[in-house]
Amino acid sequence: MKTVVKKENAVKKTFKGVSLDSLAVGAKSQITKMNYVAGNYASPHTHPHEQCGYVISGKYELTIGDESYELTAGDSYAIPGNEIHSFRVLEGGEVIDAFTPPREDYL
């Protein structure tokens, strides 16, 4: 568990070609900052974690099931656990993602 994480202590990782900062991690949730570049793409996938996100900057196409959405700064989303979704980066930027429970593969 990481109750407080100063920005200089964020754990920097690369997961499937995407740079991310693993930030605060609790017993039941986790927050990350995704550092996207144009062309990054998370192909259709599922995971048991509920995922909520907030777009700080950039432009993205999020597909959840059969619905696609264009996201820009200020937009947010929620993806239920085990729901098929994909994420395409149209213009690089930053997104904050929260997962519950924490994603072991991001730690």
N, C-alpha and C. Protein backbone atom coordinates (compact mmCIF):
# COMPACT_ATOMS: atom_id res chain seq x y z
N MET A 1 0.83 -1.18 0.00
CA MET A 1 0.00 0.00 0.00
C MET A 1 0.88 1.24 0.00
N LYS A 2 0.48 2.26 -0.77
CA LYS A 2 1.19 3.53 -0.82
C LYS A 2 0.18 4.63 -0.52
N THR A 3 0.14 5.09 0.72
CA THR A 3 -0.85 6.07 1.14
C THR A 3 -0.64 7.41 0.47
N VAL A 4 0.60 7.90 0.47
CA VAL A 4 0.94 9.16 -0.19
C VAL A 4 2.12 8.90 -1.10
N VAL A 5 2.00 9.36 -2.34
CA VAL A 5 3.10 9.20 -3.30
C VAL A 5 3.43 10.58 -3.86
N LYS A 6 4.60 11.08 -3.55
CA LYS A 6 5.07 12.34 -4.11
C LYS A 6 5.43 12.09 -5.57
N LYS A 7 5.22 13.10 -6.44
CA LYS A 7 5.40 12.89 -7.88
C LYS A 7 6.77 12.33 -8.23
N GLU A 8 7.80 12.72 -7.49
CA GLU A 8 9.14 12.21 -7.79
C GLU A 8 9.30 10.74 -7.40
N ASN A 9 8.35 10.20 -6.63
CA ASN A 9 8.42 8.81 -6.20
C ASN A 9 7.44 7.89 -6.93
N ALA A 10 6.73 8.44 -7.92
CA ALA A 10 5.80 7.62 -8.70
C ALA A 10 6.60 6.51 -9.39
N VAL A 11 6.04 5.31 -9.40
CA VAL A 11 6.69 4.18 -10.05
C VAL A 11 6.41 4.26 -11.55
N LYS A 12 7.45 4.43 -12.34
CA LYS A 12 7.32 4.54 -13.79
C LYS A 12 7.44 3.15 -14.40
N LYS A 13 6.49 2.82 -15.27
CA LYS A 13 6.46 1.51 -15.91
C LYS A 13 6.12 1.68 -17.38
N THR A 14 6.41 0.64 -18.15
CA THR A 14 5.92 0.54 -19.52
C THR A 14 5.14 -0.76 -19.58
N PHE A 15 3.88 -0.67 -20.00
CA PHE A 15 3.02 -1.83 -20.09
C PHE A 15 2.47 -1.90 -21.51
N LYS A 16 2.84 -2.94 -22.24
CA LYS A 16 2.39 -3.12 -23.63
C LYS A 16 2.68 -1.88 -24.46
N GLY A 17 3.86 -1.30 -24.27
CA GLY A 17 4.28 -0.15 -25.06
C GLY A 17 3.79 1.20 -24.58
N VAL A 18 3.04 1.24 -23.50
CA VAL A 18 2.50 2.50 -22.98
C VAL A 18 3.23 2.86 -21.68
N SER A 19 3.69 4.10 -21.61
CA SER A 19 4.34 4.61 -20.40
C SER A 19 3.26 4.99 -19.39
N LEU A 20 3.45 4.57 -18.14
CA LEU A 20 2.48 4.93 -17.10
C LEU A 20 3.21 5.19 -15.80
N ASP A 21 2.57 5.99 -14.95
CA ASP A 21 3.06 6.24 -13.60
C ASP A 21 2.07 5.60 -12.64
N SER A 22 2.53 4.61 -11.88
CA SER A 22 1.70 3.99 -10.86
C SER A 22 1.76 4.88 -9.64
N LEU A 23 0.62 5.40 -9.23
CA LEU A 23 0.58 6.39 -8.15
C LEU A 23 0.10 5.71 -6.87
N ALA A 24 -0.85 6.29 -6.19
CA ALA A 24 -1.33 5.74 -4.92
C ALA A 24 -1.99 4.39 -5.13
N VAL A 25 -1.69 3.47 -4.23
CA VAL A 25 -2.26 2.13 -4.28
C VAL A 25 -2.83 1.81 -2.90
N GLY A 26 -4.12 1.54 -2.85
CA GLY A 26 -4.76 1.16 -1.59
C GLY A 26 -5.05 -0.32 -1.57
N ALA A 27 -5.71 -0.77 -0.55
CA ALA A 27 -6.06 -2.19 -0.43
C ALA A 27 -7.08 -2.59 -1.49
N LYS A 28 -7.94 -1.64 -1.92
CA LYS A 28 -9.02 -1.98 -2.84
C LYS A 28 -9.03 -1.15 -4.12
N SER A 29 -8.10 -0.21 -4.28
CA SER A 29 -8.10 0.63 -5.48
C SER A 29 -6.68 1.11 -5.80
N GLN A 30 -6.55 1.63 -7.01
CA GLN A 30 -5.27 2.12 -7.48
C GLN A 30 -5.51 3.25 -8.47
N ILE A 31 -4.59 4.21 -8.50
CA ILE A 31 -4.68 5.28 -9.47
C ILE A 31 -3.39 5.35 -10.27
N THR A 32 -3.53 5.56 -11.58
CA THR A 32 -2.38 5.63 -12.46
C THR A 32 -2.51 6.84 -13.37
N LYS A 33 -1.37 7.33 -13.86
CA LYS A 33 -1.37 8.37 -14.90
C LYS A 33 -0.79 7.73 -16.14
N MET A 34 -1.59 7.66 -17.18
CA MET A 34 -1.17 7.09 -18.44
C MET A 34 -0.57 8.21 -19.29
N ASN A 35 0.60 7.96 -19.87
CA ASN A 35 1.32 8.95 -20.67
C ASN A 35 1.32 8.46 -22.12
N TYR A 36 0.27 8.82 -22.86
CA TYR A 36 0.05 8.28 -24.20
C TYR A 36 0.74 9.10 -25.29
N VAL A 37 1.14 8.39 -26.34
CA VAL A 37 1.62 9.03 -27.57
C VAL A 37 0.71 8.57 -28.70
N ALA A 38 0.57 9.42 -29.71
CA ALA A 38 -0.29 9.10 -30.85
C ALA A 38 0.10 7.73 -31.40
N GLY A 39 -0.90 6.92 -31.68
CA GLY A 39 -0.67 5.59 -32.22
C GLY A 39 -0.74 4.48 -31.20
N ASN A 40 -0.63 4.80 -29.89
CA ASN A 40 -0.82 3.75 -28.88
C ASN A 40 -2.21 3.17 -29.05
N TYR A 41 -2.34 1.86 -28.87
CA TYR A 41 -3.64 1.21 -29.05
C TYR A 41 -3.74 0.00 -28.12
N ALA A 42 -4.77 -0.01 -27.32
CA ALA A 42 -5.08 -1.18 -26.50
C ALA A 42 -6.19 -1.93 -27.24
N SER A 43 -5.83 -3.05 -27.85
CA SER A 43 -6.79 -3.82 -28.62
C SER A 43 -7.91 -4.33 -27.71
N PRO A 44 -9.03 -4.78 -28.29
CA PRO A 44 -10.16 -5.23 -27.46
C PRO A 44 -9.70 -6.26 -26.42
N HIS A 45 -10.05 -6.00 -25.17
CA HIS A 45 -9.64 -6.86 -24.07
C HIS A 45 -10.61 -6.71 -22.91
N THR A 46 -10.47 -7.58 -21.93
CA THR A 46 -11.23 -7.48 -20.68
C THR A 46 -10.27 -7.69 -19.52
N HIS A 47 -10.68 -7.23 -18.38
CA HIS A 47 -10.00 -7.53 -17.12
C HIS A 47 -11.04 -7.43 -16.01
N PRO A 48 -10.80 -8.08 -14.89
CA PRO A 48 -11.81 -8.09 -13.84
C PRO A 48 -11.96 -6.76 -13.11
N HIS A 49 -11.06 -5.82 -13.35
CA HIS A 49 -11.05 -4.55 -12.63
C HIS A 49 -12.07 -3.58 -13.21
N GLU A 50 -12.81 -2.90 -12.32
CA GLU A 50 -13.58 -1.74 -12.77
C GLU A 50 -12.57 -0.63 -13.04
N GLN A 51 -12.78 0.11 -14.12
CA GLN A 51 -11.84 1.16 -14.52
C GLN A 51 -12.59 2.46 -14.76
N CYS A 52 -12.15 3.52 -14.12
CA CYS A 52 -12.71 4.85 -14.35
C CYS A 52 -11.56 5.76 -14.75
N GLY A 53 -11.82 6.65 -15.71
CA GLY A 53 -10.75 7.51 -16.18
C GLY A 53 -11.18 8.94 -16.39
N TYR A 54 -10.19 9.83 -16.39
CA TYR A 54 -10.38 11.26 -16.61
C TYR A 54 -9.31 11.72 -17.60
N VAL A 55 -9.72 12.37 -18.68
CA VAL A 55 -8.80 12.84 -19.72
C VAL A 55 -8.26 14.21 -19.33
N ILE A 56 -6.94 14.27 -19.12
CA ILE A 56 -6.28 15.55 -18.84
C ILE A 56 -5.98 16.28 -20.15
N SER A 57 -5.43 15.54 -21.11
CA SER A 57 -5.09 16.13 -22.41
C SER A 57 -5.06 15.02 -23.46
N GLY A 58 -5.06 15.41 -24.73
CA GLY A 58 -5.03 14.46 -25.82
C GLY A 58 -6.41 14.19 -26.39
N LYS A 59 -6.45 13.25 -27.35
CA LYS A 59 -7.70 12.87 -28.02
C LYS A 59 -7.68 11.36 -28.21
N TYR A 60 -8.80 10.71 -27.90
CA TYR A 60 -8.85 9.25 -27.84
C TYR A 60 -10.16 8.72 -28.40
N GLU A 61 -10.13 7.46 -28.83
CA GLU A 61 -11.35 6.75 -29.18
C GLU A 61 -11.47 5.57 -28.22
N LEU A 62 -12.51 5.58 -27.41
CA LEU A 62 -12.78 4.50 -26.47
C LEU A 62 -13.97 3.71 -26.99
N THR A 63 -13.81 2.41 -27.09
CA THR A 63 -14.92 1.53 -27.48
C THR A 63 -15.20 0.60 -26.32
N ILE A 64 -16.47 0.60 -25.90
CA ILE A 64 -16.94 -0.29 -24.83
C ILE A 64 -18.07 -1.10 -25.44
N GLY A 65 -17.88 -2.41 -25.56
CA GLY A 65 -18.87 -3.23 -26.24
C GLY A 65 -18.97 -2.79 -27.69
N ASP A 66 -20.17 -2.40 -28.13
CA ASP A 66 -20.40 -1.95 -29.51
C ASP A 66 -20.46 -0.43 -29.64
N GLU A 67 -20.23 0.30 -28.56
CA GLU A 67 -20.33 1.76 -28.57
C GLU A 67 -18.94 2.39 -28.59
N SER A 68 -18.73 3.37 -29.48
CA SER A 68 -17.47 4.10 -29.55
C SER A 68 -17.69 5.55 -29.17
N TYR A 69 -16.70 6.13 -28.50
CA TYR A 69 -16.77 7.50 -28.01
C TYR A 69 -15.46 8.21 -28.30
N GLU A 70 -15.54 9.47 -28.71
CA GLU A 70 -14.34 10.29 -28.84
C GLU A 70 -14.18 11.08 -27.55
N LEU A 71 -13.00 11.02 -26.97
CA LEU A 71 -12.74 11.67 -25.69
C LEU A 71 -11.67 12.74 -25.84
N THR A 72 -11.90 13.88 -25.20
CA THR A 72 -10.92 14.96 -25.16
C THR A 72 -10.84 15.49 -23.73
N ALA A 73 -9.97 16.47 -23.51
CA ALA A 73 -9.73 17.01 -22.17
C ALA A 73 -11.03 17.34 -21.45
N GLY A 74 -11.13 16.86 -20.20
CA GLY A 74 -12.30 17.11 -19.37
C GLY A 74 -13.32 15.99 -19.39
N ASP A 75 -13.22 15.07 -20.37
CA ASP A 75 -14.15 13.94 -20.44
C ASP A 75 -13.74 12.85 -19.45
N SER A 76 -14.69 12.03 -19.05
CA SER A 76 -14.41 10.92 -18.14
C SER A 76 -15.23 9.71 -18.56
N TYR A 77 -14.89 8.56 -18.00
CA TYR A 77 -15.57 7.32 -18.39
C TYR A 77 -15.49 6.31 -17.25
N ALA A 78 -16.38 5.32 -17.32
CA ALA A 78 -16.37 4.18 -16.39
C ALA A 78 -16.59 2.92 -17.21
N ILE A 79 -15.75 1.92 -16.96
CA ILE A 79 -15.83 0.64 -17.67
C ILE A 79 -16.03 -0.45 -16.61
N PRO A 80 -17.15 -1.16 -16.66
CA PRO A 80 -17.37 -2.23 -15.69
C PRO A 80 -16.32 -3.34 -15.85
N GLY A 81 -16.04 -4.04 -14.78
CA GLY A 81 -15.14 -5.19 -14.87
C GLY A 81 -15.67 -6.22 -15.85
N ASN A 82 -14.75 -6.89 -16.55
CA ASN A 82 -15.06 -7.96 -17.50
C ASN A 82 -15.82 -7.49 -18.73
N GLU A 83 -15.85 -6.20 -19.01
CA GLU A 83 -16.49 -5.65 -20.21
C GLU A 83 -15.43 -5.50 -21.31
N ILE A 84 -15.74 -5.97 -22.52
CA ILE A 84 -14.79 -5.82 -23.64
C ILE A 84 -14.68 -4.35 -23.99
N HIS A 85 -13.43 -3.88 -24.09
CA HIS A 85 -13.20 -2.48 -24.44
C HIS A 85 -11.84 -2.34 -25.14
N SER A 86 -11.69 -1.23 -25.87
CA SER A 86 -10.42 -0.90 -26.52
C SER A 86 -10.21 0.60 -26.41
N PHE A 87 -8.96 1.03 -26.63
CA PHE A 87 -8.61 2.43 -26.43
C PHE A 87 -7.56 2.81 -27.47
N ARG A 88 -7.91 3.75 -28.35
CA ARG A 88 -6.99 4.19 -29.41
C ARG A 88 -6.60 5.65 -29.15
N VAL A 89 -5.29 5.92 -29.22
CA VAL A 89 -4.79 7.28 -29.00
C VAL A 89 -4.71 7.99 -30.35
N LEU A 90 -5.52 9.04 -30.50
CA LEU A 90 -5.53 9.83 -31.73
C LEU A 90 -4.54 10.98 -31.65
N GLU A 91 -4.44 11.60 -30.47
CA GLU A 91 -3.46 12.65 -30.20
C GLU A 91 -2.91 12.38 -28.80
N GLY A 92 -1.59 12.37 -28.67
CA GLY A 92 -0.96 12.05 -27.39
C GLY A 92 -1.40 12.97 -26.26
N GLY A 93 -1.32 12.46 -25.05
CA GLY A 93 -1.68 13.24 -23.88
C GLY A 93 -1.64 12.40 -22.63
N GLU A 94 -2.33 12.87 -21.59
CA GLU A 94 -2.34 12.19 -20.30
C GLU A 94 -3.77 11.87 -19.87
N VAL A 95 -3.92 10.70 -19.27
CA VAL A 95 -5.20 10.24 -18.74
C VAL A 95 -4.95 9.67 -17.35
N ILE A 96 -5.82 10.00 -16.42
CA ILE A 96 -5.79 9.40 -15.09
C ILE A 96 -6.76 8.24 -15.09
N ASP A 97 -6.30 7.06 -14.69
CA ASP A 97 -7.15 5.87 -14.58
C ASP A 97 -7.14 5.38 -13.15
N ALA A 98 -8.32 5.01 -12.67
CA ALA A 98 -8.46 4.39 -11.36
C ALA A 98 -8.98 2.97 -11.58
N PHE A 99 -8.40 2.02 -10.87
CA PHE A 99 -8.79 0.62 -10.98
C PHE A 99 -9.16 0.07 -9.61
N THR A 100 -10.18 -0.77 -9.60
CA THR A 100 -10.54 -1.45 -8.38
C THR A 100 -10.95 -2.87 -8.74
N PRO A 101 -10.30 -3.86 -8.19
CA PRO A 101 -9.15 -3.78 -7.29
C PRO A 101 -7.89 -3.34 -8.04
N PRO A 102 -6.79 -3.12 -7.34
CA PRO A 102 -5.55 -2.72 -8.00
C PRO A 102 -5.11 -3.74 -9.05
N ARG A 103 -4.47 -3.23 -10.11
CA ARG A 103 -3.92 -4.09 -11.16
C ARG A 103 -2.51 -4.50 -10.79
N GLU A 104 -2.33 -5.75 -10.48
CA GLU A 104 -1.02 -6.26 -10.13
C GLU A 104 0.00 -6.04 -11.24
N ASP A 105 -0.46 -6.10 -12.51
CA ASP A 105 0.45 -5.95 -13.64
C ASP A 105 0.91 -4.51 -13.84
N TYR A 106 0.33 -3.56 -13.12
CA TYR A 106 0.76 -2.15 -13.20
C TYR A 106 1.68 -1.77 -12.05
N LEU A 107 1.86 -2.65 -11.07
CA LEU A 107 2.64 -2.32 -9.89
C LEU A 107 4.12 -2.60 -10.10
